[in-house]
Amino acid sequence: MSLEMRITDLESRLAFQDDTIQALNDVLVAQQRVLERLQLQVAALAKRQEDMQGQFEVSEEDVPPPHY
């Protein structure tokens, strides 16, 4: 194999690897955005649950006996 063919092959591989790395990076960025949005939603739901628990606290008088 000639030197020119080897260089051409290496350049082709490099271009392919660059494209693959960019595609992987794009997917990673998209997943990070989804993850951040889900974390915000979970935090909001946890806060909402805490707020609602205060409204619906059950007193010990209202708790059914253990045999129910």
C-alpha atoms as a PDB file:
ATOM      1  CA  MET A   1       0.000   0.000   0.000  1.00  0.00           C
ATOM      2  CA  SER A   2       1.414   3.351  -0.952  1.00  0.00           C
ATOM      3  CA  LEU A   3       1.951   6.176   1.484  1.00  0.00           C
ATOM      4  CA  GLU A   4      -0.670   8.314  -0.266  1.00  0.00           C
ATOM      5  CA  MET A   5      -3.291   5.561   0.033  1.00  0.00           C
ATOM      6  CA  ARG A   6      -2.488   5.085   3.708  1.00  0.00           C
ATOM      7  CA  ILE A   7      -2.824   8.804   4.378  1.00  0.00           C
ATOM      8  CA  THR A   8      -6.125   8.892   2.485  1.00  0.00           C
ATOM      9  CA  ASP A   9      -7.386   5.937   4.508  1.00  0.00           C
ATOM     10  CA  LEU A  10      -6.354   7.587   7.776  1.00  0.00           C
ATOM     11  CA  GLU A  11      -8.034  10.847   6.786  1.00  0.00           C
ATOM     12  CA  SER A  12     -11.209   8.946   5.939  1.00  0.00           C
ATOM     13  CA  ARG A  13     -11.166   7.169   9.295  1.00  0.00           C
ATOM     14  CA  LEU A  14     -10.541  10.442  11.118  1.00  0.00           C
ATOM     15  CA  ALA A  15     -13.493  12.100   9.391  1.00  0.00           C
ATOM     16  CA  PHE A  16     -15.728   9.145  10.296  1.00  0.00           C
ATOM     17  CA  GLN A  17     -14.575   9.238  13.915  1.00  0.00           C
ATOM     18  CA  ASP A  18     -15.181  12.986  14.094  1.00  0.00           C
ATOM     19  CA  ASP A  19     -18.744  12.469  12.851  1.00  0.00           C
ATOM     20  CA  THR A  20     -19.314   9.674  15.337  1.00  0.00           C
ATOM     21  CA  ILE A  21     -17.979  11.737  18.239  1.00  0.00           C
ATOM     22  CA  GLN A  22     -20.207  14.666  17.276  1.00  0.00           C
ATOM     23  CA  ALA A  23     -23.256  12.403  17.046  1.00  0.00           C
ATOM     24  CA  LEU A  24     -22.500  10.908  20.460  1.00  0.00           C
ATOM     25  CA  ASN A  25     -22.024  14.367  21.914  1.00  0.00           C
ATOM     26  CA  ASP A  26     -25.381  15.504  20.517  1.00  0.00           C
ATOM     27  CA  VAL A  27     -27.107  12.513  22.103  1.00  0.00           C
ATOM     28  CA  LEU A  28     -25.351  13.159  25.417  1.00  0.00           C
ATOM     29  CA  VAL A  29     -26.428  16.811  25.439  1.00  0.00           C
ATOM     30  CA  ALA A  30     -30.032  15.827  24.694  1.00  0.00           C
ATOM     31  CA  GLN A  31     -30.008  13.235  27.491  1.00  0.00           C
ATOM     32  CA  GLN A  32     -28.574  15.768  29.913  1.00  0.00           C
ATOM     33  CA  ARG A  33     -31.406  18.185  29.120  1.00  0.00           C
ATOM     34  CA  VAL A  34     -33.980  15.437  29.685  1.00  0.00           C
ATOM     35  CA  LEU A  35     -32.306  14.445  32.949  1.00  0.00           C
ATOM     36  CA  GLU A  36     -32.297  18.026  34.233  1.00  0.00           C
ATOM     37  CA  ARG A  37     -35.977  18.439  33.321  1.00  0.00           C
ATOM     38  CA  LEU A  38     -36.854  15.174  35.097  1.00  0.00           C
ATOM     39  CA  GLN A  39     -34.929  16.234  38.198  1.00  0.00           C
ATOM     40  CA  LEU A  40     -36.902  19.483  38.302  1.00  0.00           C
ATOM     41  CA  GLN A  41     -40.168  17.581  37.924  1.00  0.00           C
ATOM     42  CA  VAL A  42     -39.269  15.154  40.722  1.00  0.00           C
ATOM     43  CA  ALA A  43     -38.330  18.053  43.003  1.00  0.00           C
ATOM     44  CA  ALA A  44     -41.621  19.787  42.215  1.00  0.00           C
ATOM     45  CA  LEU A  45     -43.580  16.597  42.897  1.00  0.00           C
ATOM     46  CA  ALA A  46     -41.765  16.047  46.193  1.00  0.00           C
ATOM     47  CA  LYS A  47     -42.562  19.608  47.265  1.00  0.00           C
ATOM     48  CA  ARG A  48     -46.167  19.168  46.207  1.00  0.00           C
ATOM     49  CA  GLN A  49     -46.425  15.936  48.191  1.00  0.00           C
ATOM     50  CA  GLU A  50     -45.006  17.625  51.285  1.00  0.00           C
ATOM     51  CA  ASP A  51     -47.504  20.461  50.925  1.00  0.00           C
ATOM     52  CA  MET A  52     -50.399  18.053  50.483  1.00  0.00           C
ATOM     53  CA  GLN A  53     -49.361  15.869  53.417  1.00  0.00           C
ATOM     54  CA  GLY A  54     -49.838  18.826  55.712  1.00  0.00           C
ATOM     55  CA  GLN A  55     -53.393  19.257  54.443  1.00  0.00           C
ATOM     56  CA  PHE A  56     -54.370  15.625  54.866  1.00  0.00           C
ATOM     57  CA  GLU A  57     -52.657  14.672  58.084  1.00  0.00           C
ATOM     58  CA  VAL A  58     -54.543  11.936  59.860  1.00  0.00           C
ATOM     59  CA  SER A  59     -54.924  12.275  63.575  1.00  0.00           C
ATOM     60  CA  GLU A  60     -54.448   9.208  65.733  1.00  0.00           C
ATOM     61  CA  GLU A  61     -58.174   9.211  66.507  1.00  0.00           C
ATOM     62  CA  ASP A  62     -58.995   8.689  62.824  1.00  0.00           C
ATOM     63  CA  VAL A  63     -56.579   5.798  62.310  1.00  0.00           C
ATOM     64  CA  PRO A  64     -58.407   2.465  62.022  1.00  0.00           C
ATOM     65  CA  PRO A  65     -57.465  -0.266  64.459  1.00  0.00           C
ATOM     66  CA  PRO A  66     -54.661  -2.613  63.312  1.00  0.00           C
ATOM     67  CA  HIS A  67     -57.059  -5.511  62.754  1.00  0.00           C
ATOM     68  CA  TYR A  68     -58.774  -3.698  59.854  1.00  0.00           C
END
